[in-house]
Protein backbone atom coordinates (compact mmCIF):
# COMPACT_ATOMS: atom_id res chain seq x y z
CA MET A 1 -6.97 2.05 -9.58
CA ASN A 2 -9.40 -0.68 -10.44
CA ASN A 3 -10.98 -1.45 -7.06
CA PRO A 4 -10.25 0.95 -4.19
CA SER A 5 -11.31 -1.66 -1.61
CA ASN A 6 -8.67 -4.13 -2.85
CA PRO A 7 -5.38 -3.68 -0.89
CA MET A 8 -3.36 -4.34 -4.04
CA ASP A 9 -5.16 -1.52 -5.84
CA GLN A 10 -4.91 0.83 -2.84
CA LEU A 11 -1.10 0.69 -3.07
CA PHE A 12 -1.03 1.25 -6.84
CA GLY A 13 1.19 4.23 -7.71
CA ALA A 14 4.52 5.91 -7.11
CA TRP A 15 5.86 6.38 -3.59
CA GLU A 16 8.67 8.40 -2.02
CA LEU A 17 10.37 7.30 1.20
CA ILE A 18 10.03 10.17 3.67
CA SER A 19 11.43 8.59 6.84
CA GLY A 20 12.38 5.36 8.48
CA SER A 21 15.18 3.23 9.83
CA TYR A 22 16.66 -0.24 9.72
CA ILE A 23 18.89 -2.36 11.93
CA GLY A 24 22.38 -2.64 10.43
CA ASP A 25 24.73 -5.61 10.49
CA ASP A 26 26.21 -4.37 13.78
CA ASN A 27 22.72 -4.33 15.40
CA VAL A 28 22.64 -0.51 15.44
CA GLU A 29 19.58 1.38 14.22
CA ILE A 30 20.30 3.49 11.14
CA ASP A 31 18.03 6.48 10.45
CA TYR A 32 17.36 6.97 6.74
CA GLN A 33 17.20 10.77 6.90
CA LYS A 34 20.38 11.17 8.98
CA GLU A 35 22.27 8.87 6.60
CA GLY A 36 20.98 10.62 3.47
CA ILE A 37 19.04 7.60 2.20
CA LYS A 38 16.32 8.38 -0.35
CA SER A 39 14.15 5.96 -2.26
CA LEU A 40 11.36 5.80 -4.82
CA LYS A 41 9.06 2.79 -5.31
CA VAL A 42 6.45 2.09 -7.98
CA LEU A 43 3.69 -0.50 -7.49
CA ALA A 44 1.37 -1.68 -10.27
CA ASN A 45 -0.51 -4.88 -11.06
CA GLY A 46 1.32 -7.03 -8.50
CA LYS A 47 4.77 -5.79 -9.54
CA TYR A 48 7.11 -3.40 -7.72
CA SER A 49 10.32 -1.59 -8.56
CA PHE A 50 12.52 0.61 -6.40
CA ILE A 51 15.67 2.67 -6.58
CA THR A 52 17.58 3.96 -3.56
CA THR A 53 20.39 6.49 -3.22
CA LEU A 54 22.80 7.16 -0.37
CA LYS A 55 23.92 10.79 -0.15
CA GLY A 56 22.97 11.32 -3.79
CA THR A 57 24.81 8.27 -5.13
CA PHE A 58 23.27 5.01 -6.34
CA PHE A 59 22.85 2.53 -3.49
CA ALA A 60 20.35 -0.17 -4.50
CA ALA A 61 17.62 -1.11 -6.95
CA GLY A 62 15.36 -4.03 -7.53
CA GLY A 63 11.94 -5.28 -8.37
CA GLY A 64 9.67 -8.26 -8.52
CA ASP A 65 6.26 -9.37 -7.32
CA TYR A 66 4.30 -8.10 -4.36
CA ILE A 67 1.18 -9.14 -2.49
CA ALA A 68 -0.83 -6.99 -0.09
CA GLN A 69 -3.61 -8.45 2.02
CA ASN A 70 -4.88 -8.44 5.61
CA GLY A 71 -2.35 -5.81 6.71
CA LEU A 72 0.63 -7.74 5.32
CA TYR A 73 2.78 -6.59 2.41
CA LEU A 74 5.15 -9.17 0.88
CA GLU A 75 7.90 -8.49 -1.67
CA LYS A 76 9.53 -11.25 -3.70
CA PRO A 77 12.54 -9.77 -5.55
CA ALA A 78 13.19 -11.11 -9.05
CA LEU A 79 15.89 -8.53 -9.85
CA ALA A 80 18.21 -6.82 -7.39
CA SER A 81 21.45 -4.89 -7.38
CA HIS A 82 22.43 -6.77 -4.20
CA SER A 83 22.42 -10.49 -5.01
CA ASP A 84 21.76 -11.44 -1.37
CA MET A 85 18.18 -10.15 -1.84
CA LEU A 86 17.41 -12.73 -4.52
CA GLY A 87 15.54 -15.86 -3.47
CA LYS A 88 14.23 -14.13 -0.34
CA GLN A 89 10.85 -12.78 0.62
CA PHE A 90 10.41 -9.62 2.65
CA GLU A 91 7.24 -9.46 4.75
CA PHE A 92 6.01 -6.22 6.30
CA GLN A 93 3.07 -5.28 8.46
CA TYR A 94 1.56 -2.18 6.87
CA GLN A 95 -0.98 0.58 7.31
CA LEU A 96 -2.34 2.92 4.69
CA GLU A 97 -3.78 6.20 5.92
CA GLY A 98 -4.73 8.53 3.09
CA GLU A 99 -1.57 9.05 1.02
CA THR A 100 0.80 7.74 3.72
CA TRP A 101 1.93 4.09 3.71
CA THR A 102 3.78 2.79 6.78
CA ASN A 103 5.68 -0.54 6.84
CA SER A 104 7.31 -2.48 9.67
CA ARG A 105 9.42 -5.61 9.12
CA TRP A 106 10.11 -7.92 12.05
CA GLN A 107 12.55 -10.78 12.67
CA ASN A 108 12.48 -12.92 15.80
CA GLY A 109 10.15 -10.45 17.54
CA LYS A 110 12.42 -7.46 16.83
CA ARG A 111 11.59 -4.66 14.40
CA VAL A 112 14.42 -4.58 11.84
CA GLU A 113 12.98 -2.10 9.37
CA TYR A 114 10.49 0.77 9.51
CA GLU A 115 9.45 2.85 6.49
CA VAL A 116 7.11 5.78 5.93
CA TRP A 117 6.20 6.39 2.28
CA LYS A 118 4.22 9.25 0.76
CA ARG A 119 2.27 8.77 -2.47
CA ILE A 120 3.64 11.06 -5.19
CA ARG A 121 1.49 9.88 -8.08
């Protein structure tokens, strides 16, 4: 890490998704652990990459640019296994406490995604 007070540098590293949920197409909350969803994410120098499995089988991958500042984390996918992710931006409110990074994504006042990541490197 270059500057530990810079939010971009604080997130530098490899992360493992340890819990969370999202709202599915049918408006039902889906728990990552119950569904067998696992993910790894790497952040470095304003770039991110992730890979996600569902019950041990490939589910999704992607990467692009990210910005972290003032408690907001923004991903701009440049590559994605699901083409509907391209051209979008995903904005999260985040907190970093030690080696735990927590994200919440909201749409129209409703939380649609919640993630808890643990630094692994």
